[in-house]
Protein backbone atom coordinates (compact mmCIF):
# COMPACT_ATOMS: atom_id res chain seq x y z
CA MET A 1 128.64 25.31 -152.92
CA LYS A 2 129.20 23.89 -156.35
CA ALA A 3 132.85 23.23 -155.53
CA ASP A 4 131.87 21.34 -152.38
CA ALA A 5 129.37 19.29 -154.32
CA LEU A 6 131.92 18.38 -156.97
CA THR A 7 134.41 17.38 -154.30
CA CYS A 8 131.87 15.08 -152.64
CA LEU A 9 130.98 13.44 -155.95
CA THR A 10 134.66 12.89 -156.74
CA LEU A 11 135.30 11.27 -153.37
CA ALA A 12 132.26 9.04 -153.76
CA ALA A 13 133.38 7.90 -157.21
CA ALA A 14 136.88 7.11 -155.96
CA ALA A 15 135.51 5.10 -153.08
CA ALA A 16 133.28 3.12 -155.42
CA GLY A 17 136.22 2.41 -157.69
CA LEU A 18 138.34 1.15 -154.82
CA VAL A 19 135.54 -1.13 -153.69
CA ALA A 20 135.15 -2.48 -157.20
CA VAL A 21 138.87 -3.08 -157.58
CA ALA A 22 139.08 -4.82 -154.21
CA SER A 23 136.13 -7.07 -154.97
CA GLY A 24 137.54 -7.81 -158.41
CA GLY A 25 140.94 -8.71 -156.97
CA ARG A 26 139.43 -11.07 -154.45
CA SER A 27 137.30 -12.75 -157.08
CA SER A 28 140.25 -13.13 -159.47
CA GLY A 29 142.45 -14.50 -156.64
CA ARG A 30 139.77 -17.02 -155.77
CA ARG A 31 139.47 -17.96 -159.40
CA ARG A 32 143.22 -18.50 -159.76
CA HIS A 33 143.36 -20.52 -156.53
CA LYS A 34 140.49 -22.64 -157.77
CA GLU A 35 142.24 -23.25 -161.05
CA VAL A 36 145.44 -24.27 -159.29
CA PHE A 37 143.52 -26.56 -156.96
CA LEU A 38 141.61 -28.13 -159.85
CA GLY A 39 144.84 -28.53 -161.81
CA GLU A 40 146.63 -30.26 -158.96
CA ASN A 41 143.58 -32.37 -158.23
CA SER A 42 143.43 -33.40 -161.85
CA LYS A 43 147.12 -34.36 -161.71
CA PHE A 44 146.53 -36.51 -158.64
CA LYS A 45 143.48 -38.01 -160.28
CA PHE A 46 145.29 -38.97 -163.46
CA GLY A 47 148.46 -40.63 -162.16
CA GLY A 48 150.11 -38.01 -159.92
CA ARG A 49 152.78 -38.65 -157.31
CA ILE A 50 150.45 -39.42 -154.41
CA ASP A 51 147.92 -42.18 -154.77
CA TYR A 52 145.15 -41.56 -152.25
CA LYS A 53 143.61 -44.96 -152.83
CA LEU A 54 146.87 -46.59 -151.76
CA LYS A 55 146.90 -44.38 -148.67
CA LYS A 56 143.47 -45.62 -147.70
CA GLN A 57 144.44 -49.29 -148.13
CA ASP A 58 147.61 -49.29 -145.93
CA SER A 59 148.16 -47.02 -142.96
CA THR A 60 151.93 -47.42 -143.25
CA LYS A 61 151.83 -45.41 -146.47
CA THR A 62 150.15 -42.44 -144.83
CA LEU A 63 152.47 -39.50 -145.11
CA LEU A 64 151.01 -37.80 -142.06
CA ILE A 65 152.36 -40.52 -139.75
CA LYS A 66 156.04 -40.12 -138.90
CA THR A 67 158.42 -43.08 -138.65
CA GLU A 68 158.98 -42.54 -134.95
CA GLN A 69 155.20 -42.56 -134.37
CA LEU A 70 154.68 -45.62 -136.55
CA LEU A 71 157.38 -47.66 -134.81
CA ARG A 72 156.50 -46.18 -131.38
CA ILE A 73 160.13 -45.37 -130.68
CA GLU A 74 159.30 -42.77 -128.04
CA GLU A 75 157.20 -45.26 -126.06
CA HIS A 76 160.04 -47.72 -125.25
CA ASP A 77 163.47 -47.68 -123.67
CA PHE A 78 165.76 -49.02 -126.37
CA ALA A 79 168.76 -48.92 -124.09
CA MET A 80 167.65 -52.39 -122.97
CA ARG A 81 167.69 -55.47 -125.15
CA PRO A 82 164.42 -57.03 -126.35
CA GLY A 83 162.89 -59.32 -123.76
CA PHE A 84 165.05 -57.99 -120.94
CA GLY A 85 164.91 -60.25 -117.90
CA GLY A 86 163.89 -63.31 -119.93
CA ALA A 87 165.73 -65.81 -122.07
CA ALA A 88 168.68 -64.84 -124.22
CA ILE A 89 167.70 -63.16 -127.46
CA PRO A 90 168.89 -65.14 -130.53
CA VAL A 91 170.78 -63.09 -133.12
CA GLY A 92 171.51 -64.74 -136.45
CA ILE A 93 174.61 -63.76 -138.41
CA ASP A 94 175.10 -63.85 -142.16
CA VAL A 95 178.39 -62.80 -143.80
CA GLN A 96 179.30 -62.16 -147.42
CA VAL A 97 183.03 -61.65 -147.97
CA GLU A 98 183.62 -59.06 -150.65
CA SER A 99 187.43 -59.14 -150.78
CA ILE A 100 190.60 -59.96 -148.90
CA ASP A 101 192.55 -56.78 -149.41
CA SER A 102 195.98 -57.69 -148.05
CA ILE A 103 197.91 -60.32 -146.11
CA SER A 104 201.03 -59.16 -144.30
CA GLU A 105 203.66 -61.63 -143.12
CA VAL A 106 205.63 -58.91 -141.35
CA ASN A 107 202.67 -57.72 -139.24
CA MET A 108 201.02 -61.15 -139.14
CA ASP A 109 197.56 -59.83 -140.04
CA PHE A 110 195.05 -59.70 -142.89
CA THR A 111 192.53 -57.11 -144.09
CA MET A 112 189.06 -58.16 -145.21
CA THR A 113 186.02 -56.26 -146.50
CA LEU A 114 182.66 -57.91 -145.86
CA TYR A 115 178.92 -57.42 -145.54
CA LEU A 116 177.86 -58.24 -141.97
CA ARG A 117 174.13 -58.92 -141.54
CA HIS A 118 172.26 -59.40 -138.24
CA TYR A 119 168.82 -60.96 -137.81
CA TRP A 120 166.73 -60.70 -134.64
CA LYS A 121 163.19 -59.92 -133.48
CA ASP A 122 162.14 -56.88 -131.47
CA GLU A 123 158.37 -56.80 -130.87
CA ARG A 124 158.63 -53.20 -129.73
CA LEU A 125 159.14 -52.20 -133.39
CA ALA A 126 156.16 -54.14 -134.78
CA PHE A 127 153.68 -52.00 -136.74
CA PRO A 128 150.34 -52.59 -138.47
CA SER A 129 150.45 -53.37 -142.17
CA ARG A 130 147.76 -54.93 -144.36
CA ASN A 131 150.07 -56.16 -147.13
CA ASN A 132 152.97 -57.24 -144.85
CA GLN A 133 155.44 -54.93 -146.48
CA SER A 134 158.66 -54.02 -144.70
CA ARG A 135 160.14 -50.61 -144.17
CA THR A 136 163.79 -49.83 -144.95
CA PHE A 137 165.85 -47.15 -143.20
CA ASP A 138 169.41 -45.92 -143.15
CA SER A 139 171.84 -45.11 -140.36
CA ARG A 140 169.78 -42.21 -139.00
CA LEU A 141 167.24 -44.54 -137.40
CA VAL A 142 169.83 -47.05 -136.15
CA LYS A 143 171.00 -44.60 -133.50
CA LYS A 144 167.52 -44.51 -131.94
CA ILE A 145 166.87 -48.25 -131.47
CA TRP A 146 168.65 -51.28 -129.96
CA VAL A 147 171.08 -53.18 -132.20
CA PRO A 148 173.51 -56.03 -131.27
CA ASP A 149 176.96 -54.85 -130.20
CA VAL A 150 178.93 -57.34 -132.29
CA PHE A 151 182.67 -56.66 -132.53
CA PHE A 152 185.68 -58.43 -134.06
CA ALA A 153 187.90 -60.17 -131.54
CA HIS A 154 191.68 -59.79 -132.08
CA SER A 155 191.09 -57.00 -134.60
CA LYS A 156 193.65 -54.22 -134.98
CA ARG A 157 191.64 -51.74 -137.05
CA SER A 158 188.10 -51.65 -138.43
CA PHE A 159 185.72 -49.08 -139.86
CA ILE A 160 182.29 -48.82 -141.48
CA HIS A 161 182.35 -47.35 -144.97
CA ASP A 162 180.77 -43.91 -145.12
CA THR A 163 180.87 -42.89 -148.81
CA THR A 164 178.60 -41.21 -149.73
CA MET A 165 176.56 -42.06 -146.64
CA GLU A 166 177.26 -44.62 -143.95
CA ASN A 167 176.87 -48.07 -145.49
CA ILE A 168 174.20 -49.17 -143.02
CA MET A 169 170.83 -50.64 -143.85
CA LEU A 170 167.96 -51.36 -141.41
CA ARG A 171 164.88 -53.24 -142.57
CA VAL A 172 161.92 -53.63 -140.18
CA TYR A 173 159.10 -56.12 -140.84
CA PRO A 174 155.56 -55.69 -139.50
CA ASP A 175 155.94 -58.60 -137.05
CA GLY A 176 159.05 -57.07 -135.48
CA ASN A 177 161.74 -59.06 -137.33
CA ILE A 178 164.76 -56.92 -138.17
CA LEU A 179 167.57 -57.13 -140.71
CA TYR A 180 170.58 -54.97 -139.91
CA SER A 181 173.40 -54.89 -142.48
CA VAL A 182 176.71 -53.00 -142.49
CA ARG A 183 179.65 -52.91 -144.89
CA VAL A 184 182.84 -53.01 -142.85
CA THR A 185 186.58 -53.40 -143.43
CA VAL A 186 188.54 -55.05 -140.64
CA THR A 187 192.22 -55.80 -140.08
CA SER A 188 192.62 -58.78 -137.79
CA LEU A 189 195.45 -60.79 -136.30
CA CYS A 190 196.51 -64.08 -137.90
CA SER A 191 199.03 -66.23 -136.05
CA MET A 192 201.17 -67.56 -138.89
CA ASP A 193 203.69 -70.39 -138.82
CA PHE A 194 206.63 -69.85 -141.19
CA SER A 195 208.44 -73.13 -140.60
CA SER A 196 207.74 -74.19 -144.18
CA PHE A 197 207.88 -70.73 -145.77
CA PRO A 198 207.47 -70.22 -148.73
CA LEU A 199 206.04 -73.71 -149.20
CA ASP A 200 203.49 -73.13 -146.44
CA SER A 201 199.76 -72.92 -145.82
CA GLN A 202 198.24 -70.48 -143.33
CA ASN A 203 195.04 -70.97 -141.35
CA CYS A 204 193.48 -67.61 -140.42
CA SER A 205 190.15 -66.78 -138.80
CA LEU A 206 187.95 -63.75 -138.22
CA GLU A 207 186.12 -63.92 -134.87
CA LEU A 208 182.79 -62.23 -134.07
CA GLU A 209 181.48 -61.76 -130.54
CA SER A 210 179.18 -59.57 -128.47
CA TYR A 211 181.04 -57.14 -126.29
CA ALA A 212 178.51 -56.44 -123.50
CA TYR A 213 176.03 -59.34 -123.55
CA ASN A 214 177.17 -62.79 -122.47
CA GLU A 215 175.44 -66.05 -123.32
CA ASN A 216 172.67 -65.38 -120.77
CA ASP A 217 171.54 -62.26 -122.66
CA LEU A 218 172.49 -62.79 -126.30
CA MET A 219 173.00 -65.94 -128.35
CA LEU A 220 174.96 -65.56 -131.58
CA TYR A 221 174.51 -68.25 -134.23
CA TRP A 222 174.99 -68.75 -137.96
CA LYS A 223 171.58 -68.12 -139.46
CA ASN A 224 171.82 -70.65 -142.32
CA GLY A 225 174.55 -72.97 -141.05
CA ASN A 226 177.42 -73.42 -143.50
CA ASP A 227 175.48 -71.45 -146.12
CA SER A 228 175.69 -68.36 -143.91
CA LEU A 229 179.17 -67.63 -145.26
CA ARG A 230 179.29 -66.59 -148.90
CA THR A 231 182.21 -65.27 -150.90
CA ASP A 232 182.67 -63.49 -154.17
CA GLU A 233 185.39 -64.54 -156.59
CA ILE A 234 188.54 -63.62 -154.66
CA VAL A 235 191.91 -63.51 -156.42
CA LEU A 236 195.08 -62.92 -154.40
CA SER A 237 198.57 -62.22 -155.68
CA GLN A 238 200.57 -64.62 -153.48
CA PHE A 239 197.87 -66.97 -152.15
CA PHE A 240 194.94 -68.95 -153.33
CA ILE A 241 192.09 -69.79 -150.99
CA GLU A 242 191.65 -73.49 -150.39
CA HIS A 243 188.71 -73.44 -148.00
CA PHE A 244 186.16 -71.10 -146.38
CA GLN A 245 184.21 -72.48 -143.43
CA PRO A 246 182.14 -70.97 -140.59
CA SER A 247 182.24 -72.39 -137.06
CA SER A 248 181.13 -71.40 -133.58
CA GLY A 249 182.32 -71.76 -130.02
CA LEU A 250 182.47 -70.13 -126.60
CA ALA A 251 184.92 -67.63 -125.17
CA PHE A 252 185.47 -67.29 -121.42
CA TYR A 253 186.49 -64.16 -119.56
CA SER A 254 187.23 -64.45 -115.86
CA SER A 255 185.41 -61.22 -114.97
CA THR A 256 182.29 -61.36 -117.16
CA GLY A 257 181.65 -65.03 -118.01
CA TRP A 258 181.03 -67.00 -121.20
CA TYR A 259 180.29 -65.42 -124.57
CA ASN A 260 179.15 -66.89 -127.87
CA ARG A 261 181.79 -66.52 -130.57
CA LEU A 262 181.54 -67.12 -134.32
CA PHE A 263 184.55 -67.94 -136.50
CA ILE A 264 185.20 -67.38 -140.21
CA ASN A 265 187.99 -69.85 -140.96
CA PHE A 266 189.88 -69.85 -144.26
CA ILE A 267 193.01 -71.67 -145.41
CA LEU A 268 195.53 -69.90 -147.64
CA ARG A 269 198.14 -71.73 -149.70
CA ARG A 270 201.06 -69.68 -150.99
CA HIS A 271 201.97 -69.50 -154.66
CA ILE A 272 205.54 -70.81 -155.05
CA PHE A 273 206.22 -69.45 -158.53
CA PHE A 274 206.90 -65.91 -157.28
CA PHE A 275 209.58 -67.15 -154.90
CA MET A 276 211.02 -69.45 -157.54
CA LEU A 277 211.68 -66.42 -159.74
CA GLN A 278 212.84 -64.10 -156.97
CA THR A 279 214.78 -66.42 -154.66
CA TYR A 280 215.35 -70.01 -155.74
CA PHE A 281 216.42 -69.56 -159.36
CA PRO A 282 218.92 -66.75 -158.62
CA THR A 283 220.34 -68.83 -155.78
CA MET A 284 220.81 -71.85 -158.03
CA LEU A 285 222.50 -69.74 -160.68
CA MET A 286 224.93 -68.30 -158.14
CA VAL A 287 225.88 -71.76 -156.93
CA VAL A 288 226.42 -73.01 -160.49
CA LEU A 289 228.41 -69.87 -161.30
CA SER A 290 230.75 -70.57 -158.40
CA TRP A 291 231.63 -73.92 -160.02
CA VAL A 292 233.05 -72.16 -163.08
CA SER A 293 236.22 -71.48 -161.10
CA PHE A 294 236.99 -75.23 -161.16
CA TRP A 295 237.66 -74.95 -164.92
CA ILE A 296 239.82 -71.82 -164.67
CA ASP A 297 243.58 -72.18 -164.47
CA ARG A 298 244.71 -72.52 -160.89
CA ARG A 299 247.41 -69.89 -161.43
CA ALA A 300 244.82 -67.29 -162.59
CA VAL A 301 244.47 -65.92 -159.10
CA PRO A 302 242.62 -62.64 -159.92
CA ALA A 303 240.01 -64.42 -162.05
CA ARG A 304 239.18 -67.15 -159.54
CA VAL A 305 239.26 -64.91 -156.47
CA SER A 306 237.04 -62.23 -158.04
CA LEU A 307 234.55 -64.85 -159.21
CA GLY A 308 234.37 -66.41 -155.75
CA ILE A 309 233.95 -63.07 -153.94
CA THR A 310 231.26 -61.95 -156.40
CA THR A 311 229.15 -65.05 -155.84
CA VAL A 312 229.56 -64.79 -152.06
CA LEU A 313 228.44 -61.16 -152.01
CA THR A 314 225.49 -61.89 -154.29
CA MET A 315 224.33 -64.68 -152.00
CA SER A 316 224.60 -62.34 -149.03
CA THR A 317 222.40 -59.80 -150.84
CA ILE A 318 219.74 -62.42 -151.60
CA ILE A 319 219.67 -63.59 -147.97
CA THR A 320 219.39 -60.02 -146.70
CA GLY A 321 216.53 -59.22 -149.09
CA VAL A 322 214.51 -62.25 -148.04
CA SER A 323 215.10 -61.62 -144.33
CA SER A 324 213.99 -57.97 -144.56
CA SER A 325 210.57 -58.96 -145.91
CA MET A 326 209.93 -61.52 -143.18
CA PRO A 327 209.08 -61.19 -139.47
CA GLN A 328 211.89 -61.71 -137.00
CA VAL A 329 210.99 -65.21 -135.86
CA SER A 330 213.14 -67.32 -133.57
CA TYR A 331 212.98 -70.53 -135.61
CA VAL A 332 214.45 -71.64 -138.92
CA LYS A 333 212.34 -71.33 -142.05
CA ALA A 334 212.52 -73.57 -145.09
CA VAL A 335 213.88 -70.76 -147.25
CA ASP A 336 216.63 -70.15 -144.68
CA ILE A 337 217.78 -73.75 -144.97
CA TYR A 338 217.98 -73.50 -148.74
CA LEU A 339 219.72 -70.11 -148.81
CA TRP A 340 222.30 -70.90 -146.16
CA THR A 341 223.09 -74.31 -147.62
CA SER A 342 223.58 -72.70 -151.03
CA PHE A 343 225.72 -70.05 -149.41
CA LEU A 344 227.81 -72.83 -147.88
CA PHE A 345 228.39 -74.36 -151.34
CA VAL A 346 229.52 -71.00 -152.70
CA PHE A 347 231.79 -70.46 -149.71
CA LEU A 348 233.31 -73.93 -150.07
CA SER A 349 234.14 -73.23 -153.70
CA VAL A 350 236.24 -70.27 -152.52
CA ILE A 351 237.88 -72.41 -149.85
CA GLU A 352 238.57 -75.06 -152.48
CA TYR A 353 240.60 -72.63 -154.53
CA ALA A 354 242.49 -71.51 -151.42
CA ALA A 355 243.45 -75.16 -150.85
CA VAL A 356 244.44 -75.59 -154.51
CA ASN A 357 246.58 -72.46 -154.47
CA TYR A 358 248.26 -73.48 -151.22
CA CYS A 359 249.03 -77.00 -152.47
CA THR A 360 250.37 -75.62 -155.75
CA THR A 361 252.71 -73.29 -153.87
CA LEU A 362 254.02 -76.12 -151.69
CA GLU A 363 254.50 -78.33 -154.73
CA GLU A 364 256.55 -75.72 -156.57
CA MET A 365 258.63 -74.96 -153.50
CA ARG A 366 259.46 -78.64 -153.04
CA LYS A 367 260.49 -79.06 -156.67
CA MET A 368 262.53 -75.91 -156.54
CA ARG A 369 264.45 -77.30 -153.59
CA ARG A 370 265.01 -80.54 -155.50
CA GLY A 371 266.25 -78.59 -158.52
CA LYS A 372 263.45 -79.86 -160.75
CA LEU A 373 261.87 -76.43 -161.25
CA PRO A 374 264.04 -73.89 -163.15
CA SER A 375 264.31 -70.36 -161.86
CA THR A 376 263.05 -68.97 -165.18
CA PHE A 377 259.60 -70.61 -165.32
CA ASP A 378 257.05 -69.83 -168.04
CA ALA A 379 253.65 -71.27 -167.16
CA SER A 380 252.21 -70.72 -170.65
CA GLN A 381 254.50 -73.24 -172.28
CA ALA A 382 252.51 -76.35 -171.57
CA MET A 383 249.12 -77.51 -170.44
CA ALA A 384 248.22 -80.68 -168.59
CA PHE A 385 245.32 -82.91 -169.47
CA ASP A 386 243.10 -81.44 -166.78
CA GLY A 387 243.19 -78.00 -168.42
CA CYS A 388 245.61 -76.41 -165.96
CA PHE A 389 249.01 -75.03 -166.93
CA HIS A 390 252.10 -76.77 -165.63
CA ASP A 391 255.83 -76.57 -166.08
CA ASN A 392 257.54 -78.57 -168.80
CA ASP A 393 260.20 -79.64 -166.35
CA MET A 394 257.67 -80.48 -163.62
CA GLU A 395 257.73 -84.17 -162.94
CA LEU A 396 254.22 -85.52 -162.55
CA THR A 397 254.75 -88.73 -160.67
CA PRO A 398 252.08 -91.34 -161.26
CA PHE A 399 250.00 -92.86 -158.52
CA PRO A 400 252.27 -95.35 -156.68
CA ARG A 401 251.05 -98.88 -156.78
CA ALA A 402 251.65 -101.63 -154.27
CA ALA A 403 253.22 -103.87 -156.94
CA GLN A 404 255.97 -101.33 -157.62
CA ALA A 405 256.87 -100.88 -153.96
CA PRO A 406 260.12 -102.53 -152.82
CA ALA A 407 259.40 -105.96 -151.43
CA PRO A 408 260.48 -106.62 -147.83
CA PRO A 409 262.48 -109.71 -146.87
CA ALA A 410 260.56 -112.89 -147.38
CA PRO A 411 259.01 -114.17 -144.16
CA PRO A 412 259.67 -117.70 -142.99
CA ALA A 413 257.55 -120.38 -144.57
CA PRO A 414 254.29 -120.98 -142.75
CA PRO A 415 253.64 -124.39 -141.26
CA SER A 416 250.70 -124.95 -143.56
CA PRO A 417 250.33 -123.61 -147.12
CA GLN A 418 247.82 -120.73 -147.80
CA PRO A 419 244.80 -121.48 -149.97
CA GLU A 420 245.12 -120.36 -153.54
CA GLY A 421 243.55 -116.99 -154.41
CA ARG A 422 243.67 -115.71 -150.78
CA PRO A 423 246.34 -113.03 -150.16
CA SER A 424 248.22 -112.99 -146.91
CA GLU A 425 247.69 -110.32 -144.23
CA GLY A 426 251.00 -108.69 -144.98
CA THR A 427 250.07 -108.24 -148.62
CA ARG A 428 246.83 -106.40 -147.68
CA LEU A 429 248.67 -104.01 -145.36
CA ARG A 430 251.18 -103.13 -148.03
CA ARG A 431 248.41 -102.18 -150.50
CA GLN A 432 246.82 -99.68 -148.13
CA ARG A 433 248.29 -96.21 -148.09
CA SER A 434 248.41 -94.15 -144.96
CA LEU A 435 246.72 -90.76 -144.55
CA ARG A 436 250.05 -89.01 -144.80
CA GLU A 437 250.75 -90.64 -148.14
CA ASN A 438 247.37 -89.45 -149.44
CA VAL A 439 248.07 -85.90 -148.28
CA ASP A 440 251.51 -86.01 -149.88
CA PHE A 441 249.94 -87.25 -153.08
CA LEU A 442 247.45 -84.35 -153.16
CA LEU A 443 250.23 -81.87 -152.38
CA SER A 444 252.29 -83.17 -155.24
CA ASN A 445 249.26 -83.30 -157.59
CA SER A 446 247.20 -80.26 -156.58
CA TYR A 447 245.50 -80.04 -159.97
CA MET A 448 243.49 -83.15 -159.06
CA ILE A 449 241.57 -81.21 -156.39
CA ASP A 450 239.84 -79.25 -159.15
CA SER A 451 239.17 -82.48 -161.02
CA TYR A 452 237.47 -84.05 -158.02
CA SER A 453 235.53 -80.85 -157.23
CA ARG A 454 234.04 -80.74 -160.73
CA LEU A 455 232.17 -83.90 -159.89
CA ALA A 456 231.72 -83.74 -156.13
CA PHE A 457 230.11 -80.28 -155.92
CA PRO A 458 227.32 -80.81 -158.53
CA LEU A 459 226.44 -84.25 -157.18
CA SER A 460 226.25 -82.96 -153.60
CA TYR A 461 224.07 -80.00 -154.57
CA LEU A 462 221.79 -82.23 -156.62
CA LEU A 463 221.39 -84.56 -153.64
CA PHE A 464 220.56 -81.63 -151.38
CA ASN A 465 217.88 -80.33 -153.77
CA THR A 466 216.33 -83.78 -154.03
CA ILE A 467 216.04 -84.09 -150.25
CA TYR A 468 214.84 -80.48 -149.80
CA TRP A 469 212.03 -80.53 -152.36
CA SER A 470 210.87 -83.99 -151.29
CA LEU A 471 210.51 -82.83 -147.67
CA TYR A 472 208.80 -79.46 -148.18
CA SER A 473 206.83 -79.80 -151.40
């Protein structure tokens, strides 16, 4: 009996202890929860993250209201444009050009990075706000509402930057006005005219247009007129920008109708100094170098031939290098005229020596037949006044004059005397030499071809440069 009594007392004490522990745990848990609540409430009261007074003033700041509920996105069909069935919705465009990345003459295109901003009003997105503050979103909300489908006409490649997120910004105002901005890089076609290359100016344009909505549904316009196009400081390697100007027009498609189109026009003028260093100056030096052969002895065949061939091959290399960096156009460019004319001067200098060498050979053969040129001839024994070596025994006949020519029989006396100081007709005919006599004179004095070339070639090339730069500069 005593053992049963002790067992009952022990069980009763254990049960009481468990009840006490449980009640103590609940009270301590409540106390800790109260402390945490009071601590957090004190943080909110003294400048915490959430300001409950601000929440009471503006319903747009209430965290319990989701963006989709605030803008009532689920209540409307945003597959249709705002005001469907009514007048065309006006969409303003504002562009800020960040950079012109590249301009390719071979592909006839340019690459531009810009900020493209759209402005329109969609009353379906209006929301209540007491302080008229806007709400800003990123690309995640853009996919759920209607935005203009503006694309770049005649573009080859384009993309929206997506580092680290897609560079898209959407700002909604309480009255339904919307600002939609994207950062995009586009490569577009530019029809270039290279008739005056490299002394040319190119007029390129970037064209914006709606793809699905014609002028009855969407009206594109520059929001601020000429001030809608802004540019940063753009520096290009081969061009400098003369003018940036926006314009607008209409584009017609036979199947879908008329569309509003906006243009970003800019004029590029090419820097000439790069081509002066790479093309024009080397070409001039090659032409001048080809004239050195006029001062080399006409019997130094290896020296003059090697010099002429070297200049010809160098000119061919310059022409090939310029042509490889240009598009294959079917008309003549300004640089082609200069290069091929210079190549002609170099080629004529080689032909000039061929003529000199041929005339010298004929002259020596003639004198050898006459016995005036000895069989043992040493060309280094004498030098003529023109700097070319000649034979000591070579007879350099002077230019024949009309006074030294044998006089024909005297004609019969005229019926009336001639006036004094007026020569007769027969005298004038005797003073003129025939073409054959001139050729014979050059054949017998071949060294004079070099003398004439020393003056004729530089003067002709100087005249060509004067005409060329006055026409294209």
